[in-house]
Amino acid sequence: MTFSANAHGPGSAHRSEENSAINEAVDIQQTGIPVTETGSDRDWGASLATGWESRHVHYGVDESGPSGAYVNEIGVRIGDFSANIWNGFGLGNQLVEWDFTAGYNFEVGPFFITPGYNLRYVPGYADNDRGESGHEEHGLESDARHAGDAGHNHAHNTYGNELFIVVGTTAIPYVTPSTVFIWDLDNNPGGFMEFRLDGEVPVYKDIVSFQPYALLGLNLGYNTSEVYSLNNFQTGLQATCRLCAWASIYAGINYSVALEALDEIGQGNVAWVNVGLRLAY
């Protein structure tokens, strides 16, 4: 059992079944949803997850504010191909987001490569006259500041067509190093890169486990086109408890430190927690 703790979309396409406790640590959905699947000898699998997060943070940007968000994800895996639908709804804020993700996992020895595509739909970005707004649109003090008014903001369209590739290795016991690169075709330049380290620490048999993680994000025009530099450093810890062969609950705490690129758009450090339930077959 492990979790994801970053931006949703790309990482959810990686569903290696050979060693799910470690390989699937690179799932980088923002929700922190556990990704263990039962019946790993099958050629297919399905999962359904629902949860709450005190803040919705996307690549270091707080998009919901302190009122948080309710999030859901449904996924299907057939062989090495996986498809996921993720949505988030703000509680006391205007956040509404849908992500439709597909990817294919290739494994070469202890290395894995997962290319894929993510369609991101955020209707709140169409609130202003231009049909787009700054990335920090939801829930911040600068909520009313749109891309046309803030010279340093990177404007995001209502729809984002994002290509991604995940590269990592399972050669190191208990930890999974990986690198993720995302390119938003609708927001040029719209690149983002992350260097991640995800872990799995058994606590009690195969029932309770901890999943620590750390990542370093590099902005290549995704959050702002004014500064191509370090975006954020993020770390966190999640505890997962398996209720039965097909159900688990989780709770996590996360903290993101804003670096040069996020400083440019006025995004500071942010902490948040997440809890939820996941069913997998």
Protein backbone atom coordinates (compact mmCIF):
# COMPACT_ATOMS: atom_id res chain seq x y z
CA MET A 1 0.00 0.00 0.00
CA THR A 2 1.29 3.42 -0.84
CA PHE A 3 0.02 6.82 -1.78
CA SER A 4 0.33 9.72 -4.10
CA ALA A 5 0.97 13.22 -3.00
CA ASN A 6 1.41 15.46 -5.92
CA ALA A 7 -0.44 16.79 -8.85
CA HIS A 8 -3.07 14.49 -10.19
CA GLY A 9 -3.00 13.01 -13.65
CA PRO A 10 0.39 11.64 -14.74
CA GLY A 11 1.37 9.36 -11.88
CA SER A 12 -1.98 7.61 -11.71
CA ALA A 13 -1.17 5.97 -15.03
CA HIS A 14 1.63 3.91 -13.47
CA ARG A 15 0.14 0.65 -12.19
CA SER A 16 2.92 -1.95 -12.11
CA GLU A 17 1.65 -5.10 -10.39
CA GLU A 18 4.93 -6.95 -9.98
CA ASN A 19 5.73 -5.12 -6.73
CA SER A 20 2.79 -2.88 -5.93
CA ALA A 21 4.11 -1.86 -2.50
CA ILE A 22 7.06 -0.08 -4.09
CA ASN A 23 6.40 0.36 -7.79
CA GLU A 24 3.10 2.13 -7.31
CA ALA A 25 4.70 4.66 -5.00
CA VAL A 26 5.17 6.87 -8.04
CA ASP A 27 1.42 7.44 -8.31
CA ILE A 28 1.35 11.19 -7.92
CA GLN A 29 -2.28 12.11 -7.61
CA GLN A 30 -2.67 15.10 -5.36
CA THR A 31 -5.26 13.35 -3.22
CA GLY A 32 -2.91 10.95 -1.46
CA ILE A 33 -5.08 7.98 -2.43
CA PRO A 34 -3.64 4.52 -1.62
CA VAL A 35 -3.07 2.49 -4.77
CA THR A 36 -2.82 -1.13 -3.64
CA GLU A 37 -4.80 -3.56 -5.78
CA THR A 38 -5.76 -7.07 -4.76
CA GLY A 39 -5.41 -10.00 -7.09
CA SER A 40 -2.16 -8.87 -8.70
CA ASP A 41 -2.04 -12.07 -10.74
CA ARG A 42 -5.00 -10.87 -12.81
CA ASP A 43 -4.60 -9.10 -16.13
CA TRP A 44 -7.00 -6.37 -15.07
CA GLY A 45 -8.01 -4.36 -12.01
CA ALA A 46 -10.39 -1.60 -10.92
CA SER A 47 -10.43 0.89 -8.06
CA LEU A 48 -12.68 3.55 -6.56
CA ALA A 49 -11.52 6.16 -4.03
CA THR A 50 -13.08 9.07 -2.20
CA GLY A 51 -11.60 11.48 0.30
CA TRP A 52 -11.16 14.98 1.71
CA GLU A 53 -8.17 17.32 1.76
CA SER A 54 -7.88 20.46 3.85
CA ARG A 55 -6.32 22.28 0.87
CA HIS A 56 -6.07 21.30 -2.77
CA VAL A 57 -2.46 21.93 -3.82
CA HIS A 58 -1.49 21.51 -7.49
CA TYR A 59 2.26 21.64 -8.20
CA GLY A 60 2.78 23.76 -5.08
CA VAL A 61 -0.14 26.14 -5.79
CA ASP A 62 -2.98 26.27 -3.26
CA GLU A 63 -6.09 26.23 -5.46
CA SER A 64 -8.79 25.80 -2.80
CA GLY A 65 -7.77 27.85 0.21
CA PRO A 66 -8.42 26.69 3.79
CA SER A 67 -11.94 25.38 3.07
CA GLY A 68 -10.45 22.39 1.22
CA ALA A 69 -11.95 20.01 -1.30
CA TYR A 70 -13.79 16.71 -1.70
CA VAL A 71 -12.00 14.43 -4.19
CA ASN A 72 -12.81 11.19 -6.01
CA GLU A 73 -11.01 8.84 -8.38
CA ILE A 74 -12.01 5.81 -10.41
CA GLY A 75 -9.43 3.73 -12.29
CA VAL A 76 -9.26 0.71 -14.58
CA ARG A 77 -6.17 -1.30 -15.52
CA ILE A 78 -5.94 -3.78 -18.39
CA GLY A 79 -2.49 -5.31 -18.61
CA ASP A 80 0.01 -2.46 -18.70
CA PHE A 81 -2.57 0.09 -19.83
CA SER A 82 -4.43 2.17 -17.25
CA ALA A 83 -7.10 4.87 -17.37
CA ASN A 84 -8.26 7.10 -14.52
CA ILE A 85 -10.88 9.77 -13.93
CA TRP A 86 -10.25 12.19 -11.04
CA ASN A 87 -12.42 15.06 -9.84
CA GLY A 88 -12.25 17.64 -7.08
CA PHE A 89 -15.00 19.88 -5.73
CA GLY A 90 -14.26 22.80 -3.45
CA LEU A 91 -15.97 23.06 -0.07
CA GLY A 92 -16.73 26.73 0.46
CA ASN A 93 -14.70 27.77 -2.59
CA GLN A 94 -15.05 27.76 -6.38
CA LEU A 95 -12.73 24.86 -7.16
CA VAL A 96 -14.10 22.39 -9.74
CA GLU A 97 -11.70 20.16 -11.64
CA TRP A 98 -11.81 17.01 -13.74
CA ASP A 99 -8.83 14.99 -14.97
CA PHE A 100 -8.98 12.18 -17.54
CA THR A 101 -5.70 10.25 -17.65
CA ALA A 102 -4.38 7.36 -19.73
CA GLY A 103 -0.93 5.79 -19.78
CA TYR A 104 1.02 2.68 -20.69
CA ASN A 105 3.69 1.19 -18.46
CA PHE A 106 6.91 -0.28 -19.92
CA GLU A 107 9.34 -2.18 -17.70
CA VAL A 108 12.97 -2.93 -18.55
CA GLY A 109 14.51 -4.90 -15.71
CA PRO A 110 14.26 -2.76 -12.57
CA PHE A 111 13.36 0.37 -14.57
CA PHE A 112 9.93 1.58 -15.65
CA ILE A 113 8.84 4.15 -18.22
CA THR A 114 5.24 5.37 -18.39
CA PRO A 115 4.26 7.79 -21.16
CA GLY A 116 0.70 9.09 -21.24
CA TYR A 117 -1.83 11.85 -21.69
CA ASN A 118 -3.95 13.87 -19.26
CA LEU A 119 -6.96 16.07 -20.11
CA ARG A 120 -7.44 18.64 -17.37
CA TYR A 121 -10.78 20.49 -17.27
CA VAL A 122 -11.10 23.43 -14.85
CA PRO A 123 -14.27 25.44 -15.61
CA GLY A 124 -13.34 28.07 -13.01
CA TYR A 125 -10.57 29.29 -15.32
CA ALA A 126 -13.27 30.65 -17.66
CA ASP A 127 -14.67 33.09 -15.09
CA ASN A 128 -13.13 36.17 -16.63
CA ASP A 129 -13.59 37.77 -20.03
CA ARG A 130 -10.54 36.12 -21.54
CA GLY A 131 -11.73 32.62 -20.66
CA GLU A 132 -8.64 31.97 -18.58
CA SER A 133 -7.08 33.06 -15.33
CA GLY A 134 -3.92 32.83 -13.26
CA HIS A 135 -2.93 29.46 -11.85
CA GLU A 136 -3.60 30.62 -8.29
CA GLU A 137 -7.24 31.37 -9.16
CA HIS A 138 -9.01 29.47 -6.40
CA GLY A 139 -9.02 30.23 -2.72
CA LEU A 140 -6.09 32.62 -2.40
CA GLU A 141 -6.02 36.25 -1.31
CA SER A 142 -5.25 37.03 -4.94
CA ASP A 143 -8.38 35.16 -6.02
CA ALA A 144 -9.70 38.09 -8.05
CA ARG A 145 -6.42 38.67 -9.87
CA HIS A 146 -6.64 37.28 -13.40
CA ALA A 147 -3.94 36.58 -15.93
CA GLY A 148 -4.66 39.79 -17.77
CA ASP A 149 -4.08 41.83 -14.63
CA ALA A 150 -1.09 40.05 -13.14
CA GLY A 151 1.92 40.29 -15.41
CA HIS A 152 3.81 37.48 -13.73
CA ASN A 153 1.06 34.83 -13.78
CA HIS A 154 0.96 31.96 -16.22
CA ALA A 155 -2.52 31.82 -17.76
CA HIS A 156 -4.22 28.42 -17.79
CA ASN A 157 -7.02 27.64 -20.18
CA THR A 158 -10.24 25.93 -19.19
CA TYR A 159 -8.88 22.80 -20.91
CA GLY A 160 -5.32 21.53 -20.53
CA ASN A 161 -3.94 18.89 -22.89
CA GLU A 162 -0.96 17.50 -21.01
CA LEU A 163 1.58 14.96 -22.23
CA PHE A 164 3.74 13.31 -19.58
CA ILE A 165 6.40 10.69 -19.04
CA VAL A 166 7.36 8.99 -15.77
CA VAL A 167 10.79 7.34 -15.46
CA GLY A 168 11.93 5.50 -12.35
CA THR A 169 13.50 2.41 -10.85
CA THR A 170 12.53 -0.25 -8.31
CA ALA A 171 16.12 -1.44 -7.80
CA ILE A 172 16.42 0.14 -4.33
CA PRO A 173 14.57 -1.69 -1.53
CA TYR A 174 11.77 0.23 0.23
CA VAL A 175 12.15 3.41 -1.86
CA THR A 176 11.29 4.37 -5.43
CA PRO A 177 13.21 7.22 -7.10
CA SER A 178 11.43 8.69 -10.12
CA THR A 179 11.32 11.68 -12.43
CA VAL A 180 8.16 13.10 -13.97
CA PHE A 181 7.97 15.53 -16.90
CA ILE A 182 4.70 17.22 -17.93
CA TRP A 183 4.05 19.43 -20.94
CA ASP A 184 0.76 21.35 -21.37
CA LEU A 185 0.18 21.70 -25.10
CA ASP A 186 -2.49 24.40 -24.62
CA ASN A 187 -0.29 26.65 -22.50
CA ASN A 188 3.00 27.15 -24.29
CA PRO A 189 5.43 27.20 -22.62
CA GLY A 190 3.88 24.83 -20.11
CA GLY A 191 6.53 22.46 -18.85
CA PHE A 192 7.03 21.07 -15.35
CA MET A 193 9.49 18.51 -13.94
CA GLU A 194 9.64 16.71 -10.62
CA PHE A 195 12.27 14.60 -8.92
CA ARG A 196 10.65 12.28 -6.38
CA LEU A 197 11.56 9.78 -3.71
CA ASP A 198 8.70 7.63 -2.37
CA GLY A 199 8.99 5.10 0.42
CA GLU A 200 7.10 2.24 2.04
CA VAL A 201 7.59 1.36 5.73
CA PRO A 202 5.69 -1.70 7.05
CA VAL A 203 4.42 -1.19 10.59
CA TYR A 204 2.14 -4.13 11.39
CA LYS A 205 2.15 -7.17 9.09
CA ASP A 206 0.53 -6.15 5.80
CA ILE A 207 -2.22 -4.19 7.58
CA VAL A 208 -0.62 -0.90 8.65
CA SER A 209 2.14 0.95 6.81
CA PHE A 210 3.69 4.41 6.51
CA GLN A 211 4.47 6.07 3.19
CA PRO A 212 6.92 9.00 3.43
CA TYR A 213 7.84 11.03 0.35
CA ALA A 214 9.88 14.01 -0.77
CA LEU A 215 9.99 15.85 -4.08
CA LEU A 216 11.63 18.80 -5.78
CA GLY A 217 9.67 20.61 -8.50
CA LEU A 218 11.17 22.59 -11.38
CA ASN A 219 9.01 25.16 -13.19
CA LEU A 220 9.54 25.29 -16.97
CA GLY A 221 6.69 27.67 -17.78
CA TYR A 222 3.81 25.78 -16.17
CA ASN A 223 3.13 27.97 -13.13
CA THR A 224 4.75 31.10 -14.52
CA SER A 225 6.57 31.98 -17.73
CA GLU A 226 8.54 34.76 -16.01
CA VAL A 227 10.87 32.53 -13.96
CA TYR A 228 12.32 29.22 -15.13
CA SER A 229 13.65 27.94 -11.85
CA LEU A 230 12.98 25.80 -8.78
CA ASN A 231 9.26 25.62 -8.05
CA ASN A 232 8.83 23.96 -4.64
CA PHE A 233 10.16 21.38 -2.23
CA GLN A 234 7.47 19.14 -0.81
CA THR A 235 7.43 16.38 1.77
CA GLY A 236 4.86 14.39 3.69
CA LEU A 237 3.86 11.23 5.46
CA GLN A 238 0.79 9.04 5.09
CA ALA A 239 -0.48 6.16 7.21
CA THR A 240 -2.53 3.46 5.47
CA CYS A 241 -4.61 0.75 7.13
CA ARG A 242 -5.98 -2.21 5.18
CA LEU A 243 -9.49 -3.06 6.35
CA CYS A 244 -9.81 -6.17 4.22
CA ALA A 245 -8.49 -7.57 0.93
CA TRP A 246 -10.30 -4.92 -1.11
CA ALA A 247 -10.63 -1.86 1.17
CA SER A 248 -8.22 0.51 2.92
CA ILE A 249 -8.33 3.85 4.72
CA TYR A 250 -5.60 6.46 4.83
CA ALA A 251 -4.61 9.75 6.49
CA GLY A 252 -1.69 11.99 5.59
CA ILE A 253 0.04 15.28 6.30
CA ASN A 254 1.93 17.32 3.67
CA TYR A 255 4.02 20.49 3.49
CA SER A 256 5.19 22.46 0.45
CA VAL A 257 7.98 25.05 0.60
CA ALA A 258 7.64 27.72 -2.09
CA LEU A 259 10.82 28.43 -4.07
CA GLU A 260 11.71 31.00 -6.75
CA ALA A 261 8.94 30.30 -9.29
CA LEU A 262 6.14 30.26 -6.72
CA ASP A 263 7.53 33.37 -5.05
CA GLU A 264 7.07 35.09 -8.41
CA ILE A 265 3.30 34.50 -8.37
CA GLY A 266 2.87 35.24 -4.66
CA GLN A 267 2.34 31.66 -3.51
CA GLY A 268 3.79 30.96 -0.08
CA ASN A 269 4.45 27.82 1.92
CA VAL A 270 1.42 25.64 2.52
CA ALA A 271 0.52 22.69 4.77
CA TRP A 272 -2.48 20.37 4.41
CA VAL A 273 -3.89 17.04 5.52
CA ASN A 274 -5.91 14.41 3.68
CA VAL A 275 -8.08 11.43 4.64
CA GLY A 276 -10.07 8.93 2.62
CA LEU A 277 -11.26 5.47 1.69
CA ARG A 278 -10.23 3.32 -1.26
CA LEU A 279 -11.78 0.18 -2.71
CA ALA A 280 -9.77 -1.98 -5.14
CA TYR A 281 -10.42 -5.25 -6.95
